[in-house]
Amino acid sequence: MKNLFDIPYSDFVLAILLMILSLLVGQQDIDTIMGIIIFIISIVLWFLAKRQLGKVFQVKVEAKTIIKKGLYSKFRHPIYLFSSLTYLGVLISFWNLYLILPYIALVVFQIVRARREENVFIHRFGNEYREYMKKTLF
């Protein structure tokens, strides 16, 4: 049986469903509006980052090439960054204390995963990747 996240764009669908739920149960105040703004901008950039990776995108890290164009010219891990910001938008819209711990766990997981990926890329590409790291943010 396929894992949910093996289905193309299931991560975006999940984020969109959470935002819809937030709109249905949340109050329509400044927090909700700010959450929606963060959500919309972030999910668009998350989708763009995933598209810019193209066929290089893998769940398992394989250092085939260093992508240095588009969002990857500014950020080493735009998928992790913008997915985290997308869920932050949902968190702000819900503004529920019970969601803070799962969100923190997600961010920690993304940071750990990003560091592991960087180690794989440093091992494969050496100084070329180190130079790329100096020129980009997270």
C-alpha atoms as a PDB file:
ATOM      1  CA  MET A   1       0.000   0.000   0.000  1.00  0.00           C
ATOM      2  CA  LYS A   2       1.247   3.467  -0.855  1.00  0.00           C
ATOM      3  CA  ASN A   3       2.205   5.943   1.814  1.00  0.00           C
ATOM      4  CA  LEU A   4       0.008   9.071   1.779  1.00  0.00           C
ATOM      5  CA  PHE A   5       3.051  11.237   1.034  1.00  0.00           C
ATOM      6  CA  ASP A   6       3.978   9.111  -2.001  1.00  0.00           C
ATOM      7  CA  ILE A   7       0.859  10.492  -3.702  1.00  0.00           C
ATOM      8  CA  PRO A   8       1.799  13.586  -5.749  1.00  0.00           C
ATOM      9  CA  TYR A   9       0.977  16.867  -3.998  1.00  0.00           C
ATOM     10  CA  SER A  10      -0.756  15.178  -1.059  1.00  0.00           C
ATOM     11  CA  ASP A  11       1.202  17.477   1.268  1.00  0.00           C
ATOM     12  CA  PHE A  12      -0.391  20.520  -0.390  1.00  0.00           C
ATOM     13  CA  VAL A  13      -3.846  18.978  -0.211  1.00  0.00           C
ATOM     14  CA  LEU A  14      -3.367  18.325   3.513  1.00  0.00           C
ATOM     15  CA  ALA A  15      -2.291  21.927   4.126  1.00  0.00           C
ATOM     16  CA  ILE A  16      -5.235  23.289   2.134  1.00  0.00           C
ATOM     17  CA  LEU A  17      -7.692  21.061   4.013  1.00  0.00           C
ATOM     18  CA  LEU A  18      -6.281  22.272   7.340  1.00  0.00           C
ATOM     19  CA  MET A  19      -6.694  25.888   6.250  1.00  0.00           C
ATOM     20  CA  ILE A  20     -10.278  25.270   5.148  1.00  0.00           C
ATOM     21  CA  LEU A  21     -10.987  23.659   8.518  1.00  0.00           C
ATOM     22  CA  SER A  22      -9.435  26.668  10.240  1.00  0.00           C
ATOM     23  CA  LEU A  23     -11.743  28.985   8.314  1.00  0.00           C
ATOM     24  CA  LEU A  24     -14.792  26.919   9.205  1.00  0.00           C
ATOM     25  CA  VAL A  25     -14.118  26.698  12.941  1.00  0.00           C
ATOM     26  CA  GLY A  26     -12.039  29.817  13.551  1.00  0.00           C
ATOM     27  CA  GLN A  27     -13.037  33.343  14.244  1.00  0.00           C
ATOM     28  CA  GLN A  28     -12.645  35.817  11.420  1.00  0.00           C
ATOM     29  CA  ASP A  29     -10.238  38.193  13.172  1.00  0.00           C
ATOM     30  CA  ILE A  30      -6.770  39.641  12.512  1.00  0.00           C
ATOM     31  CA  ASP A  31      -5.071  36.367  13.523  1.00  0.00           C
ATOM     32  CA  THR A  32      -7.091  34.451  10.960  1.00  0.00           C
ATOM     33  CA  ILE A  33      -6.369  37.023   8.256  1.00  0.00           C
ATOM     34  CA  MET A  34      -2.626  37.031   9.035  1.00  0.00           C
ATOM     35  CA  GLY A  35      -2.607  33.231   9.063  1.00  0.00           C
ATOM     36  CA  ILE A  36      -4.322  33.128   5.678  1.00  0.00           C
ATOM     37  CA  ILE A  37      -1.844  35.617   4.202  1.00  0.00           C
ATOM     38  CA  ILE A  38       1.140  33.634   5.507  1.00  0.00           C
ATOM     39  CA  PHE A  39      -0.509  30.420   4.327  1.00  0.00           C
ATOM     40  CA  ILE A  40      -1.197  31.632   0.777  1.00  0.00           C
ATOM     41  CA  ILE A  41       2.252  33.144   0.202  1.00  0.00           C
ATOM     42  CA  SER A  42       4.020  30.155   1.734  1.00  0.00           C
ATOM     43  CA  ILE A  43       2.063  27.439  -0.050  1.00  0.00           C
ATOM     44  CA  VAL A  44       2.681  29.118  -3.410  1.00  0.00           C
ATOM     45  CA  LEU A  45       6.422  29.316  -2.685  1.00  0.00           C
ATOM     46  CA  TRP A  46       6.420  25.731  -1.354  1.00  0.00           C
ATOM     47  CA  PHE A  47       4.776  24.508  -4.553  1.00  0.00           C
ATOM     48  CA  LEU A  48       7.217  26.557  -6.654  1.00  0.00           C
ATOM     49  CA  ALA A  49      10.219  25.129  -4.761  1.00  0.00           C
ATOM     50  CA  LYS A  50       8.960  21.597  -5.345  1.00  0.00           C
ATOM     51  CA  ARG A  51       8.457  22.314  -9.057  1.00  0.00           C
ATOM     52  CA  GLN A  52      11.936  23.844  -9.345  1.00  0.00           C
ATOM     53  CA  LEU A  53      13.418  20.629  -7.966  1.00  0.00           C
ATOM     54  CA  GLY A  54      11.592  18.702 -10.651  1.00  0.00           C
ATOM     55  CA  LYS A  55      12.651  15.077 -11.046  1.00  0.00           C
ATOM     56  CA  VAL A  56      15.482  15.576  -8.551  1.00  0.00           C
ATOM     57  CA  PHE A  57      12.904  15.597  -5.720  1.00  0.00           C
ATOM     58  CA  GLN A  58      13.223  12.414  -3.665  1.00  0.00           C
ATOM     59  CA  VAL A  59      11.968  11.412  -0.242  1.00  0.00           C
ATOM     60  CA  LYS A  60      15.284   9.632   0.309  1.00  0.00           C
ATOM     61  CA  VAL A  61      18.276  11.968   0.014  1.00  0.00           C
ATOM     62  CA  GLU A  62      20.365  11.337  -3.068  1.00  0.00           C
ATOM     63  CA  ALA A  63      22.954  13.999  -3.863  1.00  0.00           C
ATOM     64  CA  LYS A  64      22.708  13.917  -7.657  1.00  0.00           C
ATOM     65  CA  THR A  65      23.158  17.605  -8.366  1.00  0.00           C
ATOM     66  CA  ILE A  66      23.093  20.970  -6.603  1.00  0.00           C
ATOM     67  CA  ILE A  67      20.098  23.035  -7.688  1.00  0.00           C
ATOM     68  CA  LYS A  68      21.172  26.697  -7.702  1.00  0.00           C
ATOM     69  CA  LYS A  69      18.377  28.360  -9.686  1.00  0.00           C
ATOM     70  CA  GLY A  70      15.124  29.978  -8.622  1.00  0.00           C
ATOM     71  CA  LEU A  71      14.359  29.819  -4.916  1.00  0.00           C
ATOM     72  CA  TYR A  72      17.384  27.546  -4.500  1.00  0.00           C
ATOM     73  CA  SER A  73      19.634  30.480  -5.375  1.00  0.00           C
ATOM     74  CA  LYS A  74      18.555  32.108  -2.082  1.00  0.00           C
ATOM     75  CA  PHE A  75      17.570  29.167   0.150  1.00  0.00           C
ATOM     76  CA  ARG A  76      19.150  25.707   0.476  1.00  0.00           C
ATOM     77  CA  HIS A  77      15.929  24.149   1.771  1.00  0.00           C
ATOM     78  CA  PRO A  78      12.975  26.170   0.462  1.00  0.00           C
ATOM     79  CA  ILE A  79      10.625  23.184   0.631  1.00  0.00           C
ATOM     80  CA  TYR A  80      11.259  22.776   4.360  1.00  0.00           C
ATOM     81  CA  LEU A  81      11.167  26.519   4.969  1.00  0.00           C
ATOM     82  CA  PHE A  82       7.943  27.221   3.108  1.00  0.00           C
ATOM     83  CA  SER A  83       6.153  24.063   4.256  1.00  0.00           C
ATOM     84  CA  SER A  84       6.912  25.095   7.847  1.00  0.00           C
ATOM     85  CA  LEU A  85       5.638  28.608   7.149  1.00  0.00           C
ATOM     86  CA  THR A  86       2.516  27.180   5.484  1.00  0.00           C
ATOM     87  CA  TYR A  87       1.685  25.220   8.626  1.00  0.00           C
ATOM     88  CA  LEU A  88       2.539  28.298  10.717  1.00  0.00           C
ATOM     89  CA  GLY A  89      -0.199  30.102   8.782  1.00  0.00           C
ATOM     90  CA  VAL A  90      -2.600  27.312   9.736  1.00  0.00           C
ATOM     91  CA  LEU A  91      -1.428  27.483  13.369  1.00  0.00           C
ATOM     92  CA  ILE A  92      -1.979  31.253  13.508  1.00  0.00           C
ATOM     93  CA  SER A  93      -5.438  30.871  11.962  1.00  0.00           C
ATOM     94  CA  PHE A  94      -6.460  28.230  14.513  1.00  0.00           C
ATOM     95  CA  TRP A  95      -4.491  29.873  17.330  1.00  0.00           C
ATOM     96  CA  ASN A  96      -4.818  26.766  19.422  1.00  0.00           C
ATOM     97  CA  LEU A  97      -2.220  25.958  22.083  1.00  0.00           C
ATOM     98  CA  TYR A  98      -2.573  22.230  21.382  1.00  0.00           C
ATOM     99  CA  LEU A  99      -1.159  22.763  17.893  1.00  0.00           C
ATOM    100  CA  ILE A 100       2.033  24.450  19.088  1.00  0.00           C
ATOM    101  CA  LEU A 101       3.800  21.235  20.158  1.00  0.00           C
ATOM    102  CA  PRO A 102       3.147  19.387  16.880  1.00  0.00           C
ATOM    103  CA  TYR A 103       4.291  22.489  14.993  1.00  0.00           C
ATOM    104  CA  ILE A 104       7.503  22.709  17.031  1.00  0.00           C
ATOM    105  CA  ALA A 105       8.073  18.990  16.392  1.00  0.00           C
ATOM    106  CA  LEU A 106       7.606  19.596  12.652  1.00  0.00           C
ATOM    107  CA  VAL A 107      10.119  22.447  12.637  1.00  0.00           C
ATOM    108  CA  VAL A 108      12.681  20.435  14.631  1.00  0.00           C
ATOM    109  CA  PHE A 109      12.180  17.490  12.256  1.00  0.00           C
ATOM    110  CA  GLN A 110      12.686  19.779   9.236  1.00  0.00           C
ATOM    111  CA  ILE A 111      15.891  21.241  10.713  1.00  0.00           C
ATOM    112  CA  VAL A 112      17.319  17.806  11.537  1.00  0.00           C
ATOM    113  CA  ARG A 113      16.423  16.525   8.090  1.00  0.00           C
ATOM    114  CA  ALA A 114      17.975  19.584   6.427  1.00  0.00           C
ATOM    115  CA  ARG A 115      21.233  19.091   8.367  1.00  0.00           C
ATOM    116  CA  ARG A 116      21.360  15.428   7.342  1.00  0.00           C
ATOM    117  CA  GLU A 117      20.845  16.406   3.716  1.00  0.00           C
ATOM    118  CA  GLU A 118      23.603  18.973   3.974  1.00  0.00           C
ATOM    119  CA  ASN A 119      25.994  16.342   5.311  1.00  0.00           C
ATOM    120  CA  VAL A 120      25.176  14.082   2.344  1.00  0.00           C
ATOM    121  CA  PHE A 121      25.772  16.953  -0.092  1.00  0.00           C
ATOM    122  CA  ILE A 122      29.018  17.988   1.615  1.00  0.00           C
ATOM    123  CA  HIS A 123      30.233  14.400   1.424  1.00  0.00           C
ATOM    124  CA  ARG A 124      29.346  14.199  -2.295  1.00  0.00           C
ATOM    125  CA  PHE A 125      30.276  17.705  -3.513  1.00  0.00           C
ATOM    126  CA  GLY A 126      32.737  18.986  -0.885  1.00  0.00           C
ATOM    127  CA  ASN A 127      33.834  22.605  -1.300  1.00  0.00           C
ATOM    128  CA  GLU A 128      31.354  23.281  -4.100  1.00  0.00           C
ATOM    129  CA  TYR A 129      28.487  22.700  -1.659  1.00  0.00           C
ATOM    130  CA  ARG A 130      30.238  24.597   1.143  1.00  0.00           C
ATOM    131  CA  GLU A 131      30.506  27.624  -1.170  1.00  0.00           C
ATOM    132  CA  TYR A 132      26.825  27.265  -2.049  1.00  0.00           C
ATOM    133  CA  MET A 133      26.019  27.209   1.678  1.00  0.00           C
ATOM    134  CA  LYS A 134      27.870  30.503   2.187  1.00  0.00           C
ATOM    135  CA  LYS A 135      25.771  32.182  -0.510  1.00  0.00           C
ATOM    136  CA  THR A 136      22.366  30.949   0.659  1.00  0.00           C
ATOM    137  CA  LEU A 137      20.144  31.024   3.725  1.00  0.00           C
ATOM    138  CA  PHE A 138      18.618  27.957   5.390  1.00  0.00           C
END
